[in-house]
Amino acid sequence: MTQWQNGAPISDEVLVAWLDKQLTVQQHQQVEKMLSDDPELAERLAELDRASVDFSAAFAPLLQEAPKDRLQQKLSAALAQPQTPPSAGISRRTLIAATVSALALGVVGGMKGRRLFDNDDGWRDTVAQYMALYTHQTFEGVSPSDSAMQQQIASVSGHLGLSLSASALTLPGSAFKGARMLNYDDQAIAQIVWDDPNSGPLALCITGAVHPTDRGFAEEQRRGMNVVYWQQQQHSFMLIGHKPVSELRRVASSLSAAV
């Protein structure tokens, strides 16, 4: 990996490349220095290193459960490209890429790690970890038809006990990329994803709240993305993406009225 310039902000991709020893000697030394000077950056690295174990353990069952024809095409195309043989085993980035492909097709379930639902905040960081892997390319070729959109939203509505409609979840200027149920720590999370041509993937995620109540909009940043979150009785909501906070809040206001 040679695209990263010394002194530039460090993305998760650069940290993973550092873990896989795929940076130049100079880049490796620069990242190492920044890690020693920045405890928060070091914690991000530790989380990515821990996450690689979960990705590896989940890799085989994901392939078994996935829509095999579509996922196999993606994997075969990637494997067919000429590459320098890896020094040992499968790199973290290979496992992460396979996991993201499976996530885009809505097949991930039961990923094990730290407990996500011990409070009403923990789930948002885990969602942000996966969202940080999403790019425009993640959803290339993913264009659900109107009927597929309606079916997916109806399925999600049934699981959540909410009344959602395709019209209410149509965002001007952003392409709908899917609505699916994920399962973390034996708890269901609905994920509704759009791709904005300017800011990239945007997701509305919904899960059951630990303590039912009403909470208004709050804002935060996670993994370099903006988040607006709120709660309506037994459901917790988060809208996450790279949109500016003001735009994200306007979208959140529209969506909260629709759900």
C-alpha atoms as a PDB file:
ATOM      1  CA  MET A   1       0.000   0.000   0.000  1.00  0.00           C
ATOM      2  CA  THR A   2       1.729   3.197  -1.149  1.00  0.00           C
ATOM      3  CA  GLN A   3      -1.073   5.772  -1.455  1.00  0.00           C
ATOM      4  CA  TRP A   4      -0.847   7.063   2.129  1.00  0.00           C
ATOM      5  CA  GLN A   5       1.393  10.091   2.577  1.00  0.00           C
ATOM      6  CA  ASN A   6       3.408  10.585   5.748  1.00  0.00           C
ATOM      7  CA  GLY A   7       1.768  13.091   8.054  1.00  0.00           C
ATOM      8  CA  ALA A   8      -1.715  12.615   6.585  1.00  0.00           C
ATOM      9  CA  PRO A   9      -4.608  11.520   8.854  1.00  0.00           C
ATOM     10  CA  ILE A  10      -4.532   7.791   9.460  1.00  0.00           C
ATOM     11  CA  SER A  11      -7.545   5.809   8.283  1.00  0.00           C
ATOM     12  CA  ASP A  12      -8.531   2.348   9.466  1.00  0.00           C
ATOM     13  CA  GLU A  13      -7.254   0.994   6.139  1.00  0.00           C
ATOM     14  CA  VAL A  14      -3.781   2.368   6.887  1.00  0.00           C
ATOM     15  CA  LEU A  15      -3.848   0.836  10.373  1.00  0.00           C
ATOM     16  CA  VAL A  16      -4.831  -2.543   8.938  1.00  0.00           C
ATOM     17  CA  ALA A  17      -2.026  -2.240   6.375  1.00  0.00           C
ATOM     18  CA  TRP A  18       0.355  -1.488   9.261  1.00  0.00           C
ATOM     19  CA  LEU A  19      -0.832  -4.636  11.048  1.00  0.00           C
ATOM     20  CA  ASP A  20      -0.302  -6.655   7.873  1.00  0.00           C
ATOM     21  CA  LYS A  21       3.173  -5.133   7.315  1.00  0.00           C
ATOM     22  CA  GLN A  22       2.114  -3.794   3.921  1.00  0.00           C
ATOM     23  CA  LEU A  23       3.450  -0.244   4.342  1.00  0.00           C
ATOM     24  CA  THR A  24       6.856   0.934   3.218  1.00  0.00           C
ATOM     25  CA  VAL A  25       9.574   1.085   5.863  1.00  0.00           C
ATOM     26  CA  GLN A  26       9.244   4.868   6.069  1.00  0.00           C
ATOM     27  CA  GLN A  27       5.441   4.704   6.330  1.00  0.00           C
ATOM     28  CA  HIS A  28       5.654   1.986   8.976  1.00  0.00           C
ATOM     29  CA  GLN A  29       8.022   4.085  11.086  1.00  0.00           C
ATOM     30  CA  GLN A  30       5.842   7.182  10.727  1.00  0.00           C
ATOM     31  CA  VAL A  31       2.691   5.306  11.797  1.00  0.00           C
ATOM     32  CA  GLU A  32       4.590   3.769  14.716  1.00  0.00           C
ATOM     33  CA  LYS A  33       5.642   7.234  15.888  1.00  0.00           C
ATOM     34  CA  MET A  34       2.076   8.558  15.591  1.00  0.00           C
ATOM     35  CA  LEU A  35       0.806   5.560  17.568  1.00  0.00           C
ATOM     36  CA  SER A  36       3.250   6.278  20.382  1.00  0.00           C
ATOM     37  CA  ASP A  37       2.135   9.928  20.487  1.00  0.00           C
ATOM     38  CA  ASP A  38      -1.628   9.364  20.197  1.00  0.00           C
ATOM     39  CA  PRO A  39      -3.333   7.031  22.737  1.00  0.00           C
ATOM     40  CA  GLU A  40      -6.676   7.284  20.911  1.00  0.00           C
ATOM     41  CA  LEU A  41      -5.040   6.150  17.666  1.00  0.00           C
ATOM     42  CA  ALA A  42      -3.381   3.272  19.518  1.00  0.00           C
ATOM     43  CA  GLU A  43      -6.778   2.207  20.874  1.00  0.00           C
ATOM     44  CA  ARG A  44      -8.215   2.230  17.335  1.00  0.00           C
ATOM     45  CA  LEU A  45      -5.360  -0.026  16.271  1.00  0.00           C
ATOM     46  CA  ALA A  46      -6.023  -2.387  19.186  1.00  0.00           C
ATOM     47  CA  GLU A  47      -9.714  -2.596  18.299  1.00  0.00           C
ATOM     48  CA  LEU A  48      -8.919  -3.394  14.666  1.00  0.00           C
ATOM     49  CA  ASP A  49      -6.458  -6.058  15.759  1.00  0.00           C
ATOM     50  CA  ARG A  50      -9.064  -7.619  18.056  1.00  0.00           C
ATOM     51  CA  ALA A  51     -11.715  -7.352  15.345  1.00  0.00           C
ATOM     52  CA  SER A  52      -9.598  -9.377  12.945  1.00  0.00           C
ATOM     53  CA  VAL A  53     -10.163 -12.452  15.103  1.00  0.00           C
ATOM     54  CA  ASP A  54     -13.933 -12.049  14.872  1.00  0.00           C
ATOM     55  CA  PHE A  55     -13.793 -11.593  11.101  1.00  0.00           C
ATOM     56  CA  SER A  56     -11.748 -14.751  10.705  1.00  0.00           C
ATOM     57  CA  ALA A  57     -14.078 -16.830  12.860  1.00  0.00           C
ATOM     58  CA  ALA A  58     -17.109 -15.541  10.980  1.00  0.00           C
ATOM     59  CA  PHE A  59     -15.693 -16.044   7.499  1.00  0.00           C
ATOM     60  CA  ALA A  60     -16.646 -19.696   6.941  1.00  0.00           C
ATOM     61  CA  PRO A  61     -20.277 -19.497   8.157  1.00  0.00           C
ATOM     62  CA  LEU A  62     -20.799 -16.324   6.115  1.00  0.00           C
ATOM     63  CA  LEU A  63     -19.901 -18.168   2.941  1.00  0.00           C
ATOM     64  CA  GLN A  64     -22.264 -21.000   3.855  1.00  0.00           C
ATOM     65  CA  GLU A  65     -25.210 -18.702   4.543  1.00  0.00           C
ATOM     66  CA  ALA A  66     -24.699 -16.172   1.738  1.00  0.00           C
ATOM     67  CA  PRO A  67     -26.582 -16.038  -1.583  1.00  0.00           C
ATOM     68  CA  LYS A  68     -23.783 -18.084  -3.089  1.00  0.00           C
ATOM     69  CA  ASP A  69     -24.072 -17.201  -6.750  1.00  0.00           C
ATOM     70  CA  ARG A  70     -23.789 -13.429  -6.216  1.00  0.00           C
ATOM     71  CA  LEU A  71     -21.207 -13.569  -3.446  1.00  0.00           C
ATOM     72  CA  GLN A  72     -19.114 -16.181  -5.254  1.00  0.00           C
ATOM     73  CA  GLN A  73     -18.957 -13.946  -8.321  1.00  0.00           C
ATOM     74  CA  LYS A  74     -17.527 -11.133  -6.190  1.00  0.00           C
ATOM     75  CA  LEU A  75     -15.008 -13.405  -4.488  1.00  0.00           C
ATOM     76  CA  SER A  76     -13.977 -15.154  -7.703  1.00  0.00           C
ATOM     77  CA  ALA A  77     -13.422 -11.846  -9.474  1.00  0.00           C
ATOM     78  CA  ALA A  78     -11.218 -10.635  -6.634  1.00  0.00           C
ATOM     79  CA  LEU A  79      -9.216 -13.858  -6.501  1.00  0.00           C
ATOM     80  CA  ALA A  80      -8.750 -13.883 -10.286  1.00  0.00           C
ATOM     81  CA  GLN A  81      -6.822 -10.616 -10.245  1.00  0.00           C
ATOM     82  CA  PRO A  82      -3.010 -11.035 -10.337  1.00  0.00           C
ATOM     83  CA  GLN A  83      -1.579 -10.485  -6.888  1.00  0.00           C
ATOM     84  CA  THR A  84       1.730 -10.905  -5.134  1.00  0.00           C
ATOM     85  CA  PRO A  85       1.397 -14.006  -2.947  1.00  0.00           C
ATOM     86  CA  PRO A  86       0.900 -13.019   0.700  1.00  0.00           C
ATOM     87  CA  SER A  87       3.722 -13.746   3.088  1.00  0.00           C
ATOM     88  CA  ALA A  88       1.583 -15.983   5.296  1.00  0.00           C
ATOM     89  CA  GLY A  89      -2.068 -16.930   5.468  1.00  0.00           C
ATOM     90  CA  ILE A  90      -4.980 -14.658   4.678  1.00  0.00           C
ATOM     91  CA  SER A  91      -4.570 -10.955   5.374  1.00  0.00           C
ATOM     92  CA  ARG A  92      -6.940  -9.053   7.594  1.00  0.00           C
ATOM     93  CA  ARG A  93      -7.987  -6.915   4.618  1.00  0.00           C
ATOM     94  CA  THR A  94      -9.030 -10.037   2.683  1.00  0.00           C
ATOM     95  CA  LEU A  95     -11.208 -11.165   5.575  1.00  0.00           C
ATOM     96  CA  ILE A  96     -12.615  -7.681   6.098  1.00  0.00           C
ATOM     97  CA  ALA A  97     -13.444  -7.340   2.398  1.00  0.00           C
ATOM     98  CA  ALA A  98     -15.266 -10.676   2.406  1.00  0.00           C
ATOM     99  CA  THR A  99     -17.205  -9.705   5.509  1.00  0.00           C
ATOM    100  CA  VAL A 100     -18.240  -6.366   4.010  1.00  0.00           C
ATOM    101  CA  SER A 101     -19.477  -8.163   0.876  1.00  0.00           C
ATOM    102  CA  ALA A 102     -21.591 -10.415   3.051  1.00  0.00           C
ATOM    103  CA  LEU A 103     -22.897  -7.455   5.042  1.00  0.00           C
ATOM    104  CA  ALA A 104     -23.932  -5.725   1.829  1.00  0.00           C
ATOM    105  CA  LEU A 105     -26.031  -8.776   0.976  1.00  0.00           C
ATOM    106  CA  GLY A 106     -27.564  -8.898   4.440  1.00  0.00           C
ATOM    107  CA  VAL A 107     -26.318 -12.281   5.574  1.00  0.00           C
ATOM    108  CA  VAL A 108     -24.386 -11.586   8.772  1.00  0.00           C
ATOM    109  CA  GLY A 109     -25.756 -13.080  11.965  1.00  0.00           C
ATOM    110  CA  GLY A 110     -24.452 -13.859  15.400  1.00  0.00           C
ATOM    111  CA  MET A 111     -21.105 -12.062  15.207  1.00  0.00           C
ATOM    112  CA  LYS A 112     -19.542 -12.528  18.618  1.00  0.00           C
ATOM    113  CA  GLY A 113     -17.477  -9.969  20.480  1.00  0.00           C
ATOM    114  CA  ARG A 114     -18.033  -7.689  23.397  1.00  0.00           C
ATOM    115  CA  ARG A 115     -21.547  -7.351  24.722  1.00  0.00           C
ATOM    116  CA  LEU A 116     -23.342  -4.676  22.730  1.00  0.00           C
ATOM    117  CA  PHE A 117     -26.569  -4.267  24.615  1.00  0.00           C
ATOM    118  CA  ASP A 118     -25.435  -3.771  28.192  1.00  0.00           C
ATOM    119  CA  ASN A 119     -26.549  -0.145  27.738  1.00  0.00           C
ATOM    120  CA  ASP A 120     -28.209   2.032  25.121  1.00  0.00           C
ATOM    121  CA  ASP A 121     -24.914   3.327  23.700  1.00  0.00           C
ATOM    122  CA  GLY A 122     -22.674   0.323  23.065  1.00  0.00           C
ATOM    123  CA  TRP A 123     -24.406  -0.810  19.892  1.00  0.00           C
ATOM    124  CA  ARG A 124     -23.733   2.470  18.109  1.00  0.00           C
ATOM    125  CA  ASP A 125     -19.973   2.042  18.195  1.00  0.00           C
ATOM    126  CA  THR A 126     -20.168  -1.464  16.771  1.00  0.00           C
ATOM    127  CA  VAL A 127     -22.448  -0.269  13.966  1.00  0.00           C
ATOM    128  CA  ALA A 128     -19.944   2.524  13.308  1.00  0.00           C
ATOM    129  CA  GLN A 129     -17.113  -0.014  13.019  1.00  0.00           C
ATOM    130  CA  TYR A 130     -18.908  -1.772  10.179  1.00  0.00           C
ATOM    131  CA  MET A 131     -20.065   1.457   8.553  1.00  0.00           C
ATOM    132  CA  ALA A 132     -16.449   2.656   8.479  1.00  0.00           C
ATOM    133  CA  LEU A 133     -15.752  -0.159   6.004  1.00  0.00           C
ATOM    134  CA  TYR A 134     -18.498   0.894   3.590  1.00  0.00           C
ATOM    135  CA  THR A 135     -17.651   2.844   0.425  1.00  0.00           C
ATOM    136  CA  HIS A 136     -19.396   3.558  -2.867  1.00  0.00           C
ATOM    137  CA  GLN A 137     -17.752   0.388  -4.186  1.00  0.00           C
ATOM    138  CA  THR A 138     -19.356  -1.741  -1.466  1.00  0.00           C
ATOM    139  CA  PHE A 139     -22.725  -1.298  -3.150  1.00  0.00           C
ATOM    140  CA  GLU A 140     -21.702  -1.421  -6.797  1.00  0.00           C
ATOM    141  CA  GLY A 141     -24.280  -3.476  -8.669  1.00  0.00           C
ATOM    142  CA  VAL A 142     -26.702  -3.372  -5.722  1.00  0.00           C
ATOM    143  CA  SER A 143     -29.863  -1.707  -7.062  1.00  0.00           C
ATOM    144  CA  PRO A 144     -33.030  -3.217  -5.581  1.00  0.00           C
ATOM    145  CA  SER A 145     -36.141  -2.902  -7.724  1.00  0.00           C
ATOM    146  CA  ASP A 146     -39.193  -1.088  -6.366  1.00  0.00           C
ATOM    147  CA  SER A 147     -40.837  -4.406  -5.515  1.00  0.00           C
ATOM    148  CA  ALA A 148     -37.675  -5.675  -3.802  1.00  0.00           C
ATOM    149  CA  MET A 149     -37.460  -2.445  -1.800  1.00  0.00           C
ATOM    150  CA  GLN A 150     -41.060  -2.845  -0.657  1.00  0.00           C
ATOM    151  CA  GLN A 151     -40.490  -6.486   0.291  1.00  0.00           C
ATOM    152  CA  GLN A 152     -37.332  -5.711   2.253  1.00  0.00           C
ATOM    153  CA  ILE A 153     -38.947  -2.838   4.129  1.00  0.00           C
ATOM    154  CA  ALA A 154     -42.027  -4.940   4.889  1.00  0.00           C
ATOM    155  CA  SER A 155     -39.798  -7.682   6.290  1.00  0.00           C
ATOM    156  CA  VAL A 156     -37.875  -5.243   8.473  1.00  0.00           C
ATOM    157  CA  SER A 157     -41.131  -3.647   9.637  1.00  0.00           C
ATOM    158  CA  GLY A 158     -42.447  -7.027  10.716  1.00  0.00           C
ATOM    159  CA  HIS A 159     -39.336  -7.850  12.719  1.00  0.00           C
ATOM    160  CA  LEU A 160     -39.307  -4.467  14.446  1.00  0.00           C
ATOM    161  CA  GLY A 161     -43.010  -4.041  15.034  1.00  0.00           C
ATOM    162  CA  LEU A 162     -42.892  -0.680  13.263  1.00  0.00           C
ATOM    163  CA  SER A 163     -44.899   0.657  10.358  1.00  0.00           C
ATOM    164  CA  LEU A 164     -42.352   1.588   7.688  1.00  0.00           C
ATOM    165  CA  SER A 165     -43.108   2.471   4.083  1.00  0.00           C
ATOM    166  CA  ALA A 166     -40.991   2.621   0.952  1.00  0.00           C
ATOM    167  CA  SER A 167     -42.143   6.164   0.198  1.00  0.00           C
ATOM    168  CA  ALA A 168     -41.123   7.416   3.643  1.00  0.00           C
ATOM    169  CA  LEU A 169     -37.708   5.793   3.283  1.00  0.00           C
ATOM    170  CA  THR A 170     -36.980   7.272  -0.148  1.00  0.00           C
ATOM    171  CA  LEU A 171     -34.323   9.968   0.232  1.00  0.00           C
ATOM    172  CA  PRO A 172     -34.010  12.556  -2.561  1.00  0.00           C
ATOM    173  CA  GLY A 173     -30.591  12.362  -4.166  1.00  0.00           C
ATOM    174  CA  SER A 174     -29.603   9.101  -2.479  1.00  0.00           C
ATOM    175  CA  ALA A 175     -29.998   5.608  -3.909  1.00  0.00           C
ATOM    176  CA  PHE A 176     -31.690   2.973  -1.745  1.00  0.00           C
ATOM    177  CA  LYS A 177     -29.324   0.015  -1.337  1.00  0.00           C
ATOM    178  CA  GLY A 178     -31.225  -2.327   0.919  1.00  0.00           C
ATOM    179  CA  ALA A 179     -33.070  -2.975   4.170  1.00  0.00           C
ATOM    180  CA  ARG A 180     -32.050  -5.991   6.202  1.00  0.00           C
ATOM    181  CA  MET A 181     -31.983  -7.482   9.667  1.00  0.00           C
ATOM    182  CA  LEU A 182     -28.636  -8.142  11.329  1.00  0.00           C
ATOM    183  CA  ASN A 183     -28.078 -10.072  14.529  1.00  0.00           C
ATOM    184  CA  TYR A 184     -25.464  -9.047  17.070  1.00  0.00           C
ATOM    185  CA  ASP A 185     -25.217 -10.591  20.537  1.00  0.00           C
ATOM    186  CA  ASP A 186     -28.564 -12.294  19.876  1.00  0.00           C
ATOM    187  CA  GLN A 187     -30.172  -8.866  19.468  1.00  0.00           C
ATOM    188  CA  ALA A 188     -31.754  -7.715  16.214  1.00  0.00           C
ATOM    189  CA  ILE A 189     -30.625  -4.557  14.432  1.00  0.00           C
ATOM    190  CA  ALA A 190     -32.380  -3.264  11.345  1.00  0.00           C
ATOM    191  CA  GLN A 191     -30.102  -1.618   8.806  1.00  0.00           C
ATOM    192  CA  ILE A 192     -31.508   0.549   6.015  1.00  0.00           C
ATOM    193  CA  VAL A 193     -28.801   1.797   3.661  1.00  0.00           C
ATOM    194  CA  TRP A 194     -28.597   4.466   0.971  1.00  0.00           C
ATOM    195  CA  ASP A 195     -25.655   5.651  -1.109  1.00  0.00           C
ATOM    196  CA  ASP A 196     -25.252   9.399  -1.480  1.00  0.00           C
ATOM    197  CA  PRO A 197     -23.243  10.369  -4.590  1.00  0.00           C
ATOM    198  CA  ASN A 198     -21.397  13.057  -2.645  1.00  0.00           C
ATOM    199  CA  SER A 199     -20.956  11.766   0.899  1.00  0.00           C
ATOM    200  CA  GLY A 200     -21.138   8.006   0.404  1.00  0.00           C
ATOM    201  CA  PRO A 201     -23.082   5.326   2.301  1.00  0.00           C
ATOM    202  CA  LEU A 202     -25.706   6.462   4.797  1.00  0.00           C
ATOM    203  CA  ALA A 203     -27.522   4.103   7.158  1.00  0.00           C
ATOM    204  CA  LEU A 204     -30.507   4.235   9.463  1.00  0.00           C
ATOM    205  CA  CYS A 205     -30.129   1.543  12.110  1.00  0.00           C
ATOM    206  CA  ILE A 206     -32.846   0.557  14.570  1.00  0.00           C
ATOM    207  CA  THR A 207     -32.766  -1.774  17.552  1.00  0.00           C
ATOM    208  CA  GLY A 208     -34.709  -2.483  20.717  1.00  0.00           C
ATOM    209  CA  ALA A 209     -33.973  -0.110  23.597  1.00  0.00           C
ATOM    210  CA  VAL A 210     -32.812  -1.380  26.976  1.00  0.00           C
ATOM    211  CA  HIS A 211     -34.893   1.215  28.819  1.00  0.00           C
ATOM    212  CA  PRO A 212     -38.038   2.319  26.912  1.00  0.00           C
ATOM    213  CA  THR A 213     -38.453   6.096  26.901  1.00  0.00           C
ATOM    214  CA  ASP A 214     -38.508   9.058  24.523  1.00  0.00           C
ATOM    215  CA  ARG A 215     -35.278  10.927  23.840  1.00  0.00           C
ATOM    216  CA  GLY A 216     -34.786  13.758  21.388  1.00  0.00           C
ATOM    217  CA  PHE A 217     -32.013  14.103  18.829  1.00  0.00           C
ATOM    218  CA  ALA A 218     -28.405  13.995  19.984  1.00  0.00           C
ATOM    219  CA  GLU A 219     -25.265  14.191  17.887  1.00  0.00           C
ATOM    220  CA  GLU A 220     -21.873  12.559  18.074  1.00  0.00           C
ATOM    221  CA  GLN A 221     -18.964  11.442  15.930  1.00  0.00           C
ATOM    222  CA  ARG A 222     -17.844   7.839  15.658  1.00  0.00           C
ATOM    223  CA  ARG A 223     -15.090   6.408  13.466  1.00  0.00           C
ATOM    224  CA  GLY A 224     -14.825   9.661  11.527  1.00  0.00           C
ATOM    225  CA  MET A 225     -18.559   9.716  10.718  1.00  0.00           C
ATOM    226  CA  ASN A 226     -21.376  11.901  11.961  1.00  0.00           C
ATOM    227  CA  VAL A 227     -24.180  10.307  13.953  1.00  0.00           C
ATOM    228  CA  VAL A 228     -27.621  11.571  14.922  1.00  0.00           C
ATOM    229  CA  TYR A 229     -29.423   9.297  17.373  1.00  0.00           C
ATOM    230  CA  TRP A 230     -32.717   9.301  19.230  1.00  0.00           C
ATOM    231  CA  GLN A 231     -35.174   7.002  20.960  1.00  0.00           C
ATOM    232  CA  GLN A 232     -38.901   6.453  20.593  1.00  0.00           C
ATOM    233  CA  GLN A 233     -40.096   4.295  23.476  1.00  0.00           C
ATOM    234  CA  GLN A 234     -38.896   0.730  22.872  1.00  0.00           C
ATOM    235  CA  HIS A 235     -36.811   1.528  19.775  1.00  0.00           C
ATOM    236  CA  SER A 236     -33.395   3.182  19.511  1.00  0.00           C
ATOM    237  CA  PHE A 237     -32.415   4.847  16.225  1.00  0.00           C
ATOM    238  CA  MET A 238     -29.157   6.059  14.747  1.00  0.00           C
ATOM    239  CA  LEU A 239     -28.462   7.731  11.414  1.00  0.00           C
ATOM    240  CA  ILE A 240     -24.804   7.515  10.441  1.00  0.00           C
ATOM    241  CA  GLY A 241     -22.762   8.704   7.483  1.00  0.00           C
ATOM    242  CA  HIS A 242     -20.342  11.311   6.209  1.00  0.00           C
ATOM    243  CA  LYS A 243     -22.992  13.953   5.540  1.00  0.00           C
ATOM    244  CA  PRO A 244     -22.475  17.270   7.350  1.00  0.00           C
ATOM    245  CA  VAL A 245     -24.234  17.320  10.716  1.00  0.00           C
ATOM    246  CA  SER A 246     -26.796  19.912   9.618  1.00  0.00           C
ATOM    247  CA  GLU A 247     -27.841  17.807   6.608  1.00  0.00           C
ATOM    248  CA  LEU A 248     -27.816  14.610   8.645  1.00  0.00           C
ATOM    249  CA  ARG A 249     -30.087  16.180  11.235  1.00  0.00           C
ATOM    250  CA  ARG A 250     -32.568  17.254   8.546  1.00  0.00           C
ATOM    251  CA  VAL A 251     -32.683  13.698   7.212  1.00  0.00           C
ATOM    252  CA  ALA A 252     -33.069  12.341  10.748  1.00  0.00           C
ATOM    253  CA  SER A 253     -35.972  14.699  11.391  1.00  0.00           C
ATOM    254  CA  SER A 254     -37.729  13.496   8.249  1.00  0.00           C
ATOM    255  CA  LEU A 255     -37.115   9.826   9.022  1.00  0.00           C
ATOM    256  CA  SER A 256     -38.171  10.079  12.667  1.00  0.00           C
ATOM    257  CA  ALA A 257     -41.514  11.486  11.577  1.00  0.00           C
ATOM    258  CA  ALA A 258     -41.919   8.561   9.171  1.00  0.00           C
ATOM    259  CA  VAL A 259     -41.251   5.803  11.691  1.00  0.00           C
END
